[in-house]
Amino acid sequence: MDAAWIALSLSLKVAFWATALNLVLGVGAGYALARGQFVGRDLLDAVLTLPMVMPPTVLGYYLLVLLGRKGVVGAWLQTHFGITLIFTWQGAVIAATVVAFPLVFKSARAAFEGVDTQLEQAAQVLGVHNVGVFFRVTLPLAWRGILAGLLLAFARGMGEFGATLMVAGSIPGKTQTLSVAVYEAVQAGQDDTANLLVIITSITCILVLLIAGKLAPGRTAQI
C-alpha cells in the first residue's frame, strides 16, 4: 500500500513538471505557428505533432539515443555537469513532456487562432507594445483553450507508460510511476495493488477530462 501512494506522488510530480514545461514550450510554439507566416510552417506543425501519433516506445528510443551517456545531449551533460537523466525521475519528466507536448501545442494554437487579430491591432494603435498586447489582450482571450490543453497534458503525463519505462525504468520509490506500478503489480500477481492503482488513475483522469471539457473554447459564453 505504501508503494502505491509513493507511485501516486511520483506520478503527480512528474505530471506537474511536465505540464509546467509544456506551458512554456507548447504555448510558445502554438503562438509562433498561429501568428507566424514562414516557409516550412506546415512541415514544422507536422513534426511538432508527431508525438501524438508515434508509438511511445519509439519516442522512448529516440530519447534514449539523445539523452543516453553516448548520446549528443546526454554525453554533454555528463561531461560538463555530471548530470545523468536516464533512470531518474527527471528523465521521466522529459519523456512525459515530449509525449504530452502536442496536446498543449495544438490547443494553444487553436486558441490563439480564435483570437480576433483586430483587437490586437487596436491595442497596438493605442500604443501597447507587442509583449503587452500578448499578455493583456491575446493571452486573456485564449486562456480557456490553453488551460484545457494543459489539463489534458497533465492527465497524459500521469498515464504515460512506454516512453517513461524506456527512459526512467521502474525503480520503486525513484522512477516507478502509477502506470509502471500497475504493470509491475499485474506481472507480480498483486491484484489488490493493481486494482487500487487503476481506480486512482481512472478517477484522476476522469476529473481532469471533465474540467477540461468545461473549459473548452466552444463552451465560452458569447460576449
Protein backbone atom coordinates (compact mmCIF):
# COMPACT_ATOMS: atom_id res chain seq x y z
CA MET A 1 0.00 0.00 0.00
CA ASP A 2 2.84 2.41 0.82
CA ALA A 3 4.42 1.69 -2.56
CA ALA A 4 1.13 2.58 -4.24
CA TRP A 5 0.99 6.02 -2.63
CA ILE A 6 4.66 6.62 -3.40
CA ALA A 7 3.97 5.82 -7.06
CA LEU A 8 1.00 8.22 -6.98
CA SER A 9 3.06 11.07 -5.52
CA LEU A 10 5.81 10.47 -8.08
CA SER A 11 3.29 10.44 -10.92
CA LEU A 12 1.80 13.72 -9.71
CA LYS A 13 5.28 15.27 -9.51
CA VAL A 14 6.23 14.07 -12.98
CA ALA A 15 2.91 15.23 -14.47
CA PHE A 16 3.18 18.63 -12.75
CA TRP A 17 6.68 19.39 -14.04
CA ALA A 18 5.89 18.04 -17.50
CA THR A 19 2.83 20.31 -17.64
CA ALA A 20 4.88 23.29 -16.42
CA LEU A 21 7.44 22.72 -19.17
CA ASN A 22 4.71 22.38 -21.78
CA LEU A 23 3.15 25.62 -20.55
CA VAL A 24 6.25 27.40 -21.82
CA LEU A 25 7.16 25.20 -24.80
CA GLY A 26 3.67 24.35 -26.05
CA VAL A 27 2.20 27.83 -25.67
CA GLY A 28 5.26 29.41 -27.25
CA ALA A 29 5.18 27.05 -30.23
CA GLY A 30 1.41 27.42 -30.57
CA TYR A 31 1.64 31.21 -30.66
CA ALA A 32 4.54 31.15 -33.14
CA LEU A 33 2.65 28.96 -35.60
CA ALA A 34 -0.67 30.74 -35.08
CA ARG A 35 0.75 34.17 -35.86
CA GLY A 36 3.85 33.40 -37.92
CA GLN A 37 3.95 33.04 -41.69
CA PHE A 38 7.12 31.34 -42.92
CA VAL A 39 8.35 28.66 -45.29
CA GLY A 40 8.04 25.15 -43.83
CA ARG A 41 5.29 26.12 -41.38
CA ASP A 42 3.14 23.10 -42.20
CA LEU A 43 6.13 20.76 -42.01
CA LEU A 44 7.08 22.14 -38.60
CA ASP A 45 3.50 21.69 -37.43
CA ALA A 46 3.60 18.04 -38.54
CA VAL A 47 6.92 17.45 -36.76
CA LEU A 48 5.68 19.01 -33.52
CA THR A 49 2.53 16.89 -33.68
CA LEU A 50 4.42 13.63 -34.24
CA PRO A 51 4.46 12.56 -30.56
CA MET A 52 0.65 12.36 -30.70
CA VAL A 53 0.68 9.58 -33.30
CA MET A 54 4.10 7.98 -32.84
CA PRO A 55 4.30 4.88 -30.59
CA PRO A 56 5.58 5.86 -27.10
CA THR A 57 8.24 3.16 -27.28
CA VAL A 58 9.66 4.77 -30.42
CA LEU A 59 9.74 8.13 -28.65
CA GLY A 60 11.44 6.43 -25.72
CA TYR A 61 14.06 5.00 -28.06
CA TYR A 62 14.76 8.41 -29.58
CA LEU A 63 15.12 9.88 -26.09
CA LEU A 64 17.49 7.08 -25.09
CA VAL A 65 19.64 7.79 -28.14
CA LEU A 66 19.59 11.51 -27.39
CA LEU A 67 19.90 11.52 -23.60
CA GLY A 68 21.96 8.36 -23.01
CA ARG A 69 25.58 8.58 -21.92
CA LYS A 70 26.68 8.15 -25.52
CA GLY A 71 24.02 10.49 -26.88
CA VAL A 72 24.71 14.04 -28.02
CA VAL A 73 22.85 15.72 -25.16
CA GLY A 74 23.48 13.02 -22.56
CA ALA A 75 27.24 12.91 -23.15
CA TRP A 76 27.46 16.72 -22.99
CA LEU A 77 25.53 16.88 -19.72
CA GLN A 78 27.60 14.08 -18.21
CA THR A 79 30.92 15.61 -19.26
CA HIS A 80 30.28 19.23 -18.29
CA PHE A 81 27.84 18.96 -15.38
CA GLY A 82 27.94 15.35 -14.23
CA ILE A 83 24.20 15.06 -14.89
CA THR A 84 22.63 11.75 -15.86
CA LEU A 85 18.97 11.77 -16.93
CA ILE A 86 18.46 8.10 -17.78
CA PHE A 87 16.81 6.10 -14.96
CA THR A 88 15.92 9.24 -12.99
CA TRP A 89 12.61 10.95 -12.28
CA GLN A 90 13.87 13.93 -14.27
CA GLY A 91 14.13 11.59 -17.26
CA ALA A 92 10.51 10.59 -16.65
CA VAL A 93 9.58 14.29 -16.73
CA ILE A 94 11.27 14.72 -20.10
CA ALA A 95 9.51 11.65 -21.50
CA ALA A 96 6.11 12.85 -20.25
CA THR A 97 6.80 16.35 -21.61
CA VAL A 98 7.54 15.07 -25.10
CA VAL A 99 4.53 12.75 -25.19
CA ALA A 100 2.08 15.38 -23.88
CA PHE A 101 3.52 18.32 -25.86
CA PRO A 102 1.13 18.08 -28.86
CA LEU A 103 -1.91 18.35 -26.58
CA VAL A 104 -0.78 21.76 -25.34
CA PHE A 105 0.64 22.87 -28.67
CA LYS A 106 -2.50 22.10 -30.70
CA SER A 107 -4.84 23.53 -28.07
CA ALA A 108 -2.78 26.71 -27.74
CA ARG A 109 -2.53 27.20 -31.48
CA ALA A 110 -6.29 26.77 -31.93
CA ALA A 111 -6.95 29.17 -29.05
CA PHE A 112 -4.63 31.84 -30.46
CA GLU A 113 -6.09 31.47 -33.95
CA GLY A 114 -9.52 32.04 -32.42
CA VAL A 115 -8.50 35.46 -31.09
CA ASP A 116 -9.64 38.36 -33.27
CA THR A 117 -6.48 39.98 -34.64
CA GLN A 118 -8.32 43.30 -34.94
CA LEU A 119 -8.32 43.52 -31.14
CA GLU A 120 -4.55 43.09 -31.13
CA GLN A 121 -4.16 45.71 -33.82
CA ALA A 122 -6.36 48.11 -31.88
CA ALA A 123 -4.16 47.69 -28.81
CA GLN A 124 -1.07 48.41 -30.91
CA VAL A 125 -2.69 51.56 -32.31
CA LEU A 126 -3.29 52.67 -28.72
CA GLY A 127 0.43 52.38 -28.06
CA VAL A 128 0.67 48.98 -26.39
CA HIS A 129 3.92 47.19 -27.31
CA ASN A 130 3.93 43.62 -28.65
CA VAL A 131 4.69 41.97 -25.29
CA GLY A 132 1.90 43.97 -23.68
CA VAL A 133 -0.52 43.00 -26.44
CA PHE A 134 0.25 39.33 -25.82
CA PHE A 135 -0.23 39.44 -22.05
CA ARG A 136 -3.06 41.99 -21.93
CA VAL A 137 -5.11 41.02 -25.00
CA THR A 138 -4.16 37.74 -26.66
CA LEU A 139 -3.47 35.55 -23.64
CA PRO A 140 -6.60 36.58 -21.64
CA LEU A 141 -8.77 35.75 -24.65
CA ALA A 142 -7.08 32.41 -25.29
CA TRP A 143 -6.60 31.18 -21.73
CA ARG A 144 -9.54 28.77 -21.68
CA GLY A 145 -8.27 26.75 -24.62
CA ILE A 146 -4.72 26.78 -23.27
CA LEU A 147 -5.82 25.64 -19.83
CA ALA A 148 -7.89 22.83 -21.34
CA GLY A 149 -4.80 21.64 -23.22
CA LEU A 150 -2.69 21.83 -20.07
CA LEU A 151 -5.19 19.72 -18.15
CA LEU A 152 -5.20 17.10 -20.89
CA ALA A 153 -1.39 17.15 -20.87
CA PHE A 154 -1.40 16.65 -17.09
CA ALA A 155 -3.64 13.60 -17.44
CA ARG A 156 -1.49 12.29 -20.28
CA GLY A 157 1.64 12.80 -18.21
CA MET A 158 0.14 10.82 -15.34
CA GLY A 159 -0.76 7.94 -17.62
CA GLU A 160 2.42 7.82 -19.70
CA PHE A 161 3.96 4.34 -19.80
CA GLY A 162 6.02 3.38 -22.84
CA ALA A 163 8.48 6.26 -23.15
CA THR A 164 8.73 6.62 -19.37
CA LEU A 165 9.56 2.95 -18.87
CA MET A 166 12.30 3.07 -21.50
CA VAL A 167 13.88 6.30 -20.26
CA ALA A 168 13.34 6.14 -16.50
CA GLY A 169 12.88 2.41 -15.91
CA SER A 170 10.96 1.01 -12.94
CA ILE A 171 12.88 1.72 -9.75
CA PRO A 172 10.44 1.57 -6.78
CA GLY A 173 10.35 4.86 -4.92
CA LYS A 174 12.51 6.62 -7.52
CA THR A 175 11.16 6.23 -11.05
CA GLN A 176 8.17 3.89 -10.72
CA THR A 177 5.13 5.94 -11.74
CA LEU A 178 1.49 4.85 -11.44
CA SER A 179 1.24 3.30 -14.89
CA VAL A 180 4.52 1.44 -14.47
CA ALA A 181 3.46 0.32 -10.98
CA VAL A 182 0.23 -1.11 -12.41
CA TYR A 183 2.22 -3.11 -14.95
CA GLU A 184 4.62 -4.39 -12.29
CA ALA A 185 1.75 -5.28 -9.93
CA VAL A 186 -0.04 -7.28 -12.64
CA GLN A 187 3.17 -9.09 -13.57
CA ALA A 188 3.75 -9.94 -9.90
CA GLY A 189 0.17 -11.16 -9.40
CA GLN A 190 -0.62 -8.39 -6.87
CA ASP A 191 -4.22 -7.87 -7.93
CA ASP A 192 -5.24 -5.76 -4.92
CA THR A 193 -2.46 -3.25 -5.54
CA ALA A 194 -3.18 -3.18 -9.27
CA ASN A 195 -6.90 -2.57 -8.64
CA LEU A 196 -6.14 0.31 -6.25
CA LEU A 197 -3.75 1.95 -8.69
CA VAL A 198 -6.18 1.56 -11.59
CA ILE A 199 -9.02 3.13 -9.58
CA ILE A 200 -6.84 6.07 -8.51
CA THR A 201 -5.64 6.65 -12.06
CA SER A 202 -9.13 6.35 -13.57
CA ILE A 203 -10.74 8.77 -11.10
CA THR A 204 -7.98 11.34 -11.59
CA CYS A 205 -8.18 11.19 -15.38
CA ILE A 206 -11.99 11.41 -15.40
CA LEU A 207 -11.92 14.51 -13.19
CA VAL A 208 -9.31 16.15 -15.39
CA LEU A 209 -11.29 15.39 -18.56
CA LEU A 210 -14.49 16.80 -17.03
CA ILE A 211 -12.73 20.03 -16.08
CA ALA A 212 -11.05 20.25 -19.48
CA GLY A 213 -14.43 19.81 -21.17
CA LYS A 214 -15.88 22.68 -19.17
CA LEU A 215 -13.00 24.91 -20.27
CA ALA A 216 -13.16 24.02 -23.96
CA PRO A 217 -13.33 27.13 -26.18
CA GLY A 218 -16.68 26.00 -27.62
CA ARG A 219 -18.24 26.42 -24.19
CA THR A 220 -17.09 30.01 -23.83
CA ALA A 221 -20.02 32.31 -23.33
CA GLN A 222 -20.85 34.76 -26.12
CA ILE A 223 -19.76 38.33 -25.35
